[in-house]
Amino acid sequence: MSHSTTAHGSHAGPPRDEPGDDTTVGALVHRLSEQVPDLIRSEMRLAQAELAEKGKKAGLGVGLFSVAGLLGFLGLATLVATAVLALDLVLPAWAAALIVAAVLLVGAGIAALVGKKEAQQATPAAPERAVAGVKQDVATVKGARS
């Protein structure tokens, strides 16, 4: 005998929530509790596959940026050599190389000083305004409870 109504109007199966619905809330919760782990596992597999795909693309992008950086460095080195050769036309080769090296070292020193100043402005690494805001929120909550 199925979960149908008998001639006396009583249910042959477990009680129903709606007419035409043979599933109880308990059965639905049980079925849901069995299906949720499978759903989570399949979503995790999908996320892993998606991250692997994005990781491959990111790796390729990083590799291409590295090649671009290397080629840019080599181009800059060639320009430095060109500057030495151009100065060699009017000065001895050693003097031309010394002048170009001095200009490069001064540029490196300036970049280092500016970089140090910027790095010092970034420390400490803690988000000071956010921490202060949280402290203020905690103090407000403590004051409201008193």
N, C-alpha and C. Protein backbone atom coordinates (compact mmCIF):
# COMPACT_ATOMS: atom_id res chain seq x y z
N MET A 1 0.83 -1.17 0.00
CA MET A 1 0.00 0.00 0.00
C MET A 1 0.88 1.23 0.00
N SER A 2 0.58 2.24 -0.80
CA SER A 2 1.39 3.44 -0.92
C SER A 2 0.93 4.47 0.09
N HIS A 3 1.55 5.66 0.02
CA HIS A 3 1.22 6.74 0.94
C HIS A 3 -0.03 7.47 0.46
N SER A 4 -1.09 6.79 0.27
CA SER A 4 -2.30 7.45 -0.21
C SER A 4 -3.32 7.49 0.91
N THR A 5 -4.34 8.27 0.73
CA THR A 5 -5.38 8.43 1.73
C THR A 5 -6.34 7.23 1.64
N THR A 6 -6.71 6.69 2.79
CA THR A 6 -7.64 5.55 2.82
C THR A 6 -9.06 6.06 2.70
N ALA A 7 -9.97 5.19 2.66
CA ALA A 7 -11.38 5.54 2.51
C ALA A 7 -11.88 6.35 3.69
N HIS A 8 -11.22 6.19 4.87
CA HIS A 8 -11.68 6.91 6.05
C HIS A 8 -11.03 8.28 6.19
N GLY A 9 -10.19 8.68 5.23
CA GLY A 9 -9.55 10.00 5.26
C GLY A 9 -8.27 10.03 6.06
N SER A 10 -7.81 8.90 6.56
CA SER A 10 -6.55 8.90 7.29
C SER A 10 -5.42 8.58 6.31
N HIS A 11 -4.24 8.90 6.71
CA HIS A 11 -3.07 8.66 5.85
C HIS A 11 -2.54 7.26 6.10
N ALA A 12 -2.16 6.60 5.03
CA ALA A 12 -1.58 5.28 5.16
C ALA A 12 -0.11 5.38 5.53
N GLY A 13 0.56 6.52 5.20
CA GLY A 13 1.98 6.71 5.49
C GLY A 13 2.17 7.75 6.57
N PRO A 14 3.38 8.26 6.65
CA PRO A 14 3.67 9.28 7.64
C PRO A 14 2.87 10.55 7.37
N PRO A 15 2.70 11.41 8.36
CA PRO A 15 1.92 12.64 8.15
C PRO A 15 2.57 13.52 7.09
N ARG A 16 1.74 14.24 6.33
CA ARG A 16 2.22 15.07 5.24
C ARG A 16 2.01 16.54 5.58
N ASP A 17 2.91 17.40 5.00
CA ASP A 17 2.79 18.84 5.23
C ASP A 17 1.76 19.47 4.32
N GLU A 18 1.72 19.02 3.08
CA GLU A 18 0.80 19.60 2.11
C GLU A 18 0.09 18.47 1.37
N PRO A 19 -1.08 18.73 0.88
CA PRO A 19 -1.75 17.70 0.08
C PRO A 19 -0.90 17.38 -1.15
N GLY A 20 -0.72 16.09 -1.42
CA GLY A 20 0.03 15.65 -2.58
C GLY A 20 1.52 15.53 -2.30
N ASP A 21 1.98 15.85 -1.10
CA ASP A 21 3.39 15.78 -0.75
C ASP A 21 3.58 14.60 0.19
N ASP A 22 4.29 13.55 -0.29
CA ASP A 22 4.47 12.35 0.50
C ASP A 22 5.72 12.40 1.38
N THR A 23 6.49 13.50 1.39
CA THR A 23 7.74 13.58 2.12
C THR A 23 7.57 14.40 3.39
N THR A 24 8.07 13.87 4.50
CA THR A 24 7.99 14.60 5.76
C THR A 24 9.16 15.56 5.85
N VAL A 25 9.05 16.50 6.76
CA VAL A 25 10.13 17.46 6.98
C VAL A 25 11.37 16.71 7.45
N GLY A 26 11.19 15.74 8.33
CA GLY A 26 12.32 14.95 8.82
C GLY A 26 13.04 14.23 7.69
N ALA A 27 12.26 13.67 6.76
CA ALA A 27 12.86 12.97 5.63
C ALA A 27 13.61 13.96 4.73
N LEU A 28 13.03 15.14 4.56
CA LEU A 28 13.70 16.16 3.74
C LEU A 28 15.01 16.61 4.40
N VAL A 29 14.99 16.83 5.70
CA VAL A 29 16.20 17.24 6.42
C VAL A 29 17.25 16.13 6.33
N HIS A 30 16.82 14.88 6.48
CA HIS A 30 17.75 13.76 6.38
C HIS A 30 18.38 13.70 4.99
N ARG A 31 17.54 13.83 3.96
CA ARG A 31 18.04 13.80 2.59
C ARG A 31 18.98 14.97 2.34
N LEU A 32 18.62 16.14 2.85
CA LEU A 32 19.47 17.31 2.70
C LEU A 32 20.82 17.11 3.38
N SER A 33 20.80 16.53 4.60
CA SER A 33 22.06 16.31 5.32
C SER A 33 22.94 15.29 4.60
N GLU A 34 22.35 14.40 3.84
CA GLU A 34 23.14 13.45 3.05
C GLU A 34 23.69 14.10 1.79
N GLN A 35 22.96 15.05 1.20
CA GLN A 35 23.35 15.65 -0.07
C GLN A 35 24.29 16.83 0.08
N VAL A 36 24.24 17.52 1.22
CA VAL A 36 25.08 18.71 1.41
C VAL A 36 26.57 18.36 1.32
N PRO A 37 27.06 17.30 1.98
CA PRO A 37 28.49 16.99 1.83
C PRO A 37 28.90 16.72 0.38
N ASP A 38 28.03 16.03 -0.37
CA ASP A 38 28.33 15.78 -1.78
C ASP A 38 28.38 17.09 -2.56
N LEU A 39 27.45 17.98 -2.26
CA LEU A 39 27.42 19.28 -2.92
C LEU A 39 28.69 20.07 -2.59
N ILE A 40 29.08 20.05 -1.33
CA ILE A 40 30.28 20.78 -0.91
C ILE A 40 31.51 20.19 -1.59
N ARG A 41 31.61 18.85 -1.63
CA ARG A 41 32.75 18.22 -2.29
C ARG A 41 32.81 18.58 -3.77
N SER A 42 31.67 18.57 -4.44
CA SER A 42 31.67 18.90 -5.87
C SER A 42 32.02 20.37 -6.08
N GLU A 43 31.57 21.26 -5.20
CA GLU A 43 31.94 22.67 -5.30
C GLU A 43 33.43 22.85 -5.05
N MET A 44 34.00 22.08 -4.13
CA MET A 44 35.43 22.16 -3.84
C MET A 44 36.24 21.68 -5.05
N ARG A 45 35.78 20.60 -5.69
CA ARG A 45 36.47 20.11 -6.89
C ARG A 45 36.41 21.16 -8.00
N LEU A 46 35.25 21.80 -8.15
CA LEU A 46 35.11 22.85 -9.15
C LEU A 46 36.04 24.02 -8.83
N ALA A 47 36.12 24.41 -7.57
CA ALA A 47 37.00 25.50 -7.17
C ALA A 47 38.46 25.14 -7.42
N GLN A 48 38.83 23.89 -7.11
CA GLN A 48 40.21 23.46 -7.36
C GLN A 48 40.54 23.51 -8.84
N ALA A 49 39.63 23.03 -9.66
CA ALA A 49 39.86 23.04 -11.10
C ALA A 49 39.97 24.48 -11.62
N GLU A 50 39.10 25.34 -11.12
CA GLU A 50 39.12 26.74 -11.55
C GLU A 50 40.43 27.41 -11.10
N LEU A 51 40.85 27.15 -9.86
CA LEU A 51 42.11 27.74 -9.37
C LEU A 51 43.31 27.20 -10.14
N ALA A 52 43.27 25.92 -10.49
CA ALA A 52 44.37 25.35 -11.27
C ALA A 52 44.46 26.02 -12.63
N GLU A 53 43.31 26.24 -13.25
CA GLU A 53 43.28 26.91 -14.56
C GLU A 53 43.81 28.34 -14.43
N LYS A 54 43.33 29.05 -13.41
CA LYS A 54 43.79 30.43 -13.22
C LYS A 54 45.27 30.45 -12.85
N GLY A 55 45.72 29.46 -12.08
CA GLY A 55 47.13 29.39 -11.72
C GLY A 55 48.02 29.20 -12.93
N LYS A 56 47.57 28.37 -13.87
CA LYS A 56 48.35 28.17 -15.10
C LYS A 56 48.44 29.48 -15.88
N LYS A 57 47.31 30.19 -16.00
CA LYS A 57 47.32 31.45 -16.73
C LYS A 57 48.18 32.49 -16.02
N ALA A 58 48.08 32.52 -14.68
CA ALA A 58 48.90 33.47 -13.92
C ALA A 58 50.38 33.14 -14.07
N GLY A 59 50.72 31.86 -14.04
CA GLY A 59 52.11 31.45 -14.21
C GLY A 59 52.64 31.85 -15.57
N LEU A 60 51.83 31.67 -16.59
CA LEU A 60 52.24 32.08 -17.94
C LEU A 60 52.42 33.59 -18.00
N GLY A 61 51.50 34.32 -17.39
CA GLY A 61 51.60 35.78 -17.37
C GLY A 61 52.85 36.24 -16.64
N VAL A 62 53.15 35.63 -15.49
CA VAL A 62 54.35 35.99 -14.74
C VAL A 62 55.60 35.67 -15.56
N GLY A 63 55.59 34.54 -16.22
CA GLY A 63 56.73 34.17 -17.07
C GLY A 63 56.95 35.18 -18.19
N LEU A 64 55.86 35.60 -18.83
CA LEU A 64 55.98 36.57 -19.91
C LEU A 64 56.43 37.94 -19.39
N PHE A 65 55.95 38.32 -18.20
CA PHE A 65 56.43 39.57 -17.59
C PHE A 65 57.91 39.47 -17.27
N SER A 66 58.36 38.30 -16.85
CA SER A 66 59.78 38.11 -16.56
C SER A 66 60.61 38.26 -17.83
N VAL A 67 60.15 37.67 -18.92
CA VAL A 67 60.84 37.82 -20.20
C VAL A 67 60.87 39.29 -20.61
N ALA A 68 59.75 39.99 -20.44
CA ALA A 68 59.70 41.41 -20.78
C ALA A 68 60.69 42.20 -19.93
N GLY A 69 60.77 41.89 -18.65
CA GLY A 69 61.72 42.57 -17.77
C GLY A 69 63.16 42.31 -18.18
N LEU A 70 63.46 41.06 -18.51
CA LEU A 70 64.82 40.73 -18.95
C LEU A 70 65.17 41.46 -20.25
N LEU A 71 64.25 41.45 -21.20
CA LEU A 71 64.51 42.15 -22.47
C LEU A 71 64.64 43.65 -22.26
N GLY A 72 63.83 44.21 -21.37
CA GLY A 72 63.95 45.63 -21.05
C GLY A 72 65.30 45.95 -20.42
N PHE A 73 65.75 45.08 -19.50
CA PHE A 73 67.06 45.26 -18.88
C PHE A 73 68.17 45.20 -19.92
N LEU A 74 68.10 44.23 -20.81
CA LEU A 74 69.12 44.12 -21.86
C LEU A 74 69.11 45.34 -22.78
N GLY A 75 67.91 45.85 -23.07
CA GLY A 75 67.81 47.06 -23.88
C GLY A 75 68.44 48.25 -23.17
N LEU A 76 68.19 48.37 -21.88
CA LEU A 76 68.79 49.45 -21.10
C LEU A 76 70.31 49.30 -21.04
N ALA A 77 70.79 48.08 -20.87
CA ALA A 77 72.24 47.84 -20.87
C ALA A 77 72.86 48.24 -22.21
N THR A 78 72.15 47.97 -23.28
CA THR A 78 72.65 48.35 -24.60
C THR A 78 72.70 49.88 -24.74
N LEU A 79 71.70 50.56 -24.19
CA LEU A 79 71.72 52.03 -24.22
C LEU A 79 72.88 52.57 -23.39
N VAL A 80 73.18 51.92 -22.27
CA VAL A 80 74.32 52.34 -21.46
C VAL A 80 75.62 52.16 -22.27
N ALA A 81 75.75 51.03 -22.93
CA ALA A 81 76.94 50.80 -23.76
C ALA A 81 77.02 51.82 -24.89
N THR A 82 75.86 52.17 -25.45
CA THR A 82 75.82 53.18 -26.49
C THR A 82 76.29 54.53 -25.96
N ALA A 83 75.88 54.87 -24.74
CA ALA A 83 76.32 56.13 -24.14
C ALA A 83 77.84 56.14 -23.94
N VAL A 84 78.38 55.01 -23.50
CA VAL A 84 79.84 54.92 -23.32
C VAL A 84 80.53 55.09 -24.67
N LEU A 85 80.05 54.42 -25.69
CA LEU A 85 80.66 54.52 -27.02
C LEU A 85 80.55 55.93 -27.59
N ALA A 86 79.42 56.60 -27.33
CA ALA A 86 79.24 57.96 -27.83
C ALA A 86 80.22 58.91 -27.14
N LEU A 87 80.37 58.76 -25.82
CA LEU A 87 81.33 59.62 -25.11
C LEU A 87 82.77 59.29 -25.50
N ASP A 88 83.00 58.05 -25.92
CA ASP A 88 84.34 57.64 -26.35
C ASP A 88 84.80 58.42 -27.57
N LEU A 89 83.84 58.99 -28.32
CA LEU A 89 84.20 59.77 -29.49
C LEU A 89 84.90 61.08 -29.10
N VAL A 90 84.62 61.58 -27.90
CA VAL A 90 85.21 62.86 -27.47
C VAL A 90 86.14 62.73 -26.27
N LEU A 91 86.10 61.59 -25.58
CA LEU A 91 86.93 61.35 -24.40
C LEU A 91 87.61 59.99 -24.53
N PRO A 92 88.62 59.75 -23.71
CA PRO A 92 89.18 58.38 -23.69
C PRO A 92 88.12 57.39 -23.21
N ALA A 93 88.21 56.16 -23.63
CA ALA A 93 87.22 55.12 -23.31
C ALA A 93 87.03 54.97 -21.81
N TRP A 94 88.12 54.98 -21.05
CA TRP A 94 87.99 54.81 -19.59
C TRP A 94 87.21 55.97 -18.98
N ALA A 95 87.41 57.18 -19.46
CA ALA A 95 86.69 58.34 -18.93
C ALA A 95 85.21 58.27 -19.30
N ALA A 96 84.91 57.84 -20.51
CA ALA A 96 83.52 57.70 -20.94
C ALA A 96 82.80 56.67 -20.07
N ALA A 97 83.44 55.53 -19.83
CA ALA A 97 82.83 54.49 -18.99
C ALA A 97 82.66 54.98 -17.56
N LEU A 98 83.64 55.72 -17.04
CA LEU A 98 83.57 56.24 -15.68
C LEU A 98 82.42 57.23 -15.52
N ILE A 99 82.25 58.12 -16.49
CA ILE A 99 81.15 59.10 -16.42
C ILE A 99 79.80 58.40 -16.44
N VAL A 100 79.62 57.45 -17.35
CA VAL A 100 78.33 56.74 -17.44
C VAL A 100 78.08 55.96 -16.15
N ALA A 101 79.11 55.30 -15.61
CA ALA A 101 78.95 54.56 -14.35
C ALA A 101 78.58 55.50 -13.21
N ALA A 102 79.21 56.67 -13.16
CA ALA A 102 78.90 57.64 -12.09
C ALA A 102 77.45 58.10 -12.20
N VAL A 103 76.99 58.39 -13.41
CA VAL A 103 75.59 58.81 -13.59
C VAL A 103 74.64 57.71 -13.14
N LEU A 104 74.93 56.47 -13.50
CA LEU A 104 74.08 55.34 -13.09
C LEU A 104 74.08 55.18 -11.57
N LEU A 105 75.25 55.31 -10.93
CA LEU A 105 75.32 55.16 -9.47
C LEU A 105 74.60 56.30 -8.75
N VAL A 106 74.68 57.51 -9.26
CA VAL A 106 73.93 58.62 -8.67
C VAL A 106 72.43 58.36 -8.79
N GLY A 107 71.99 57.89 -9.96
CA GLY A 107 70.58 57.54 -10.15
C GLY A 107 70.14 56.44 -9.18
N ALA A 108 71.00 55.44 -8.98
CA ALA A 108 70.67 54.36 -8.04
C ALA A 108 70.58 54.89 -6.62
N GLY A 109 71.49 55.80 -6.26
CA GLY A 109 71.45 56.38 -4.91
C GLY A 109 70.19 57.18 -4.67
N ILE A 110 69.80 57.98 -5.64
CA ILE A 110 68.57 58.78 -5.51
C ILE A 110 67.36 57.86 -5.37
N ALA A 111 67.30 56.82 -6.20
CA ALA A 111 66.18 55.87 -6.13
C ALA A 111 66.16 55.18 -4.77
N ALA A 112 67.34 54.84 -4.23
CA ALA A 112 67.39 54.17 -2.92
C ALA A 112 66.90 55.09 -1.82
N LEU A 113 67.29 56.36 -1.84
CA LEU A 113 66.85 57.31 -0.81
C LEU A 113 65.34 57.55 -0.87
N VAL A 114 64.82 57.72 -2.08
CA VAL A 114 63.37 57.92 -2.23
C VAL A 114 62.62 56.66 -1.79
N GLY A 115 63.14 55.49 -2.17
CA GLY A 115 62.51 54.22 -1.77
C GLY A 115 62.52 54.04 -0.27
N LYS A 116 63.63 54.40 0.38
CA LYS A 116 63.72 54.28 1.84
C LYS A 116 62.70 55.19 2.51
N LYS A 117 62.58 56.43 2.00
CA LYS A 117 61.61 57.37 2.57
C LYS A 117 60.18 56.82 2.44
N GLU A 118 59.85 56.29 1.27
CA GLU A 118 58.51 55.73 1.05
C GLU A 118 58.26 54.53 1.95
N ALA A 119 59.26 53.67 2.10
CA ALA A 119 59.11 52.48 2.95
C ALA A 119 58.92 52.87 4.41
N GLN A 120 59.63 53.91 4.87
CA GLN A 120 59.47 54.35 6.25
C GLN A 120 58.08 54.90 6.49
N GLN A 121 57.49 55.55 5.49
CA GLN A 121 56.14 56.07 5.64
C GLN A 121 55.10 54.96 5.70
N ALA A 122 55.46 53.79 5.20
CA ALA A 122 54.52 52.66 5.19
C ALA A 122 54.58 51.85 6.47
N THR A 123 55.55 52.15 7.35
CA THR A 123 55.66 51.38 8.59
C THR A 123 55.08 52.17 9.74
N PRO A 124 54.52 51.53 10.74
CA PRO A 124 54.37 50.09 10.87
C PRO A 124 53.31 49.57 9.90
N ALA A 125 53.40 48.27 9.63
CA ALA A 125 52.52 47.67 8.62
C ALA A 125 51.08 47.52 9.12
N ALA A 126 50.85 47.71 10.40
CA ALA A 126 49.50 47.58 10.95
C ALA A 126 48.61 48.71 10.44
N PRO A 127 47.37 48.42 10.13
CA PRO A 127 46.43 49.46 9.68
C PRO A 127 46.02 50.32 10.87
N GLU A 128 46.77 51.38 11.14
CA GLU A 128 46.60 52.17 12.36
C GLU A 128 45.21 52.77 12.49
N ARG A 129 44.67 53.33 11.41
CA ARG A 129 43.33 53.94 11.50
C ARG A 129 42.27 52.89 11.78
N ALA A 130 42.39 51.72 11.15
CA ALA A 130 41.41 50.66 11.40
C ALA A 130 41.50 50.15 12.82
N VAL A 131 42.73 49.99 13.33
CA VAL A 131 42.91 49.53 14.72
C VAL A 131 42.31 50.55 15.68
N ALA A 132 42.56 51.84 15.41
CA ALA A 132 42.00 52.88 16.27
C ALA A 132 40.47 52.85 16.23
N GLY A 133 39.92 52.61 15.04
CA GLY A 133 38.46 52.52 14.92
C GLY A 133 37.89 51.36 15.70
N VAL A 134 38.57 50.22 15.65
CA VAL A 134 38.10 49.04 16.40
C VAL A 134 38.18 49.32 17.90
N LYS A 135 39.28 49.93 18.34
CA LYS A 135 39.41 50.27 19.77
C LYS A 135 38.29 51.21 20.20
N GLN A 136 37.96 52.17 19.35
CA GLN A 136 36.88 53.09 19.67
C GLN A 136 35.54 52.35 19.73
N ASP A 137 35.32 51.42 18.79
CA ASP A 137 34.08 50.64 18.80
C ASP A 137 33.97 49.80 20.07
N VAL A 138 35.08 49.17 20.49
CA VAL A 138 35.09 48.35 21.70
C VAL A 138 34.79 49.22 22.91
N ALA A 139 35.40 50.41 22.96
CA ALA A 139 35.15 51.32 24.08
C ALA A 139 33.70 51.76 24.11
N THR A 140 33.12 52.00 22.93
CA THR A 140 31.72 52.39 22.86
C THR A 140 30.81 51.28 23.35
N VAL A 141 31.10 50.05 22.93
CA VAL A 141 30.29 48.91 23.37
C VAL A 141 30.41 48.70 24.86
N LYS A 142 31.64 48.81 25.39
CA LYS A 142 31.83 48.67 26.84
C LYS A 142 31.10 49.76 27.59
N GLY A 143 31.11 50.98 27.05
CA GLY A 143 30.40 52.09 27.68
C GLY A 143 28.90 51.90 27.65
N ALA A 144 28.40 51.28 26.60
CA ALA A 144 26.94 51.06 26.48
C ALA A 144 26.49 49.96 27.44
N ARG A 145 27.39 49.02 27.76
CA ARG A 145 27.02 47.92 28.67
C ARG A 145 27.08 48.36 30.12
N SER A 146 27.85 49.39 30.43
CA SER A 146 28.01 49.81 31.83
C SER A 146 26.79 50.48 32.34
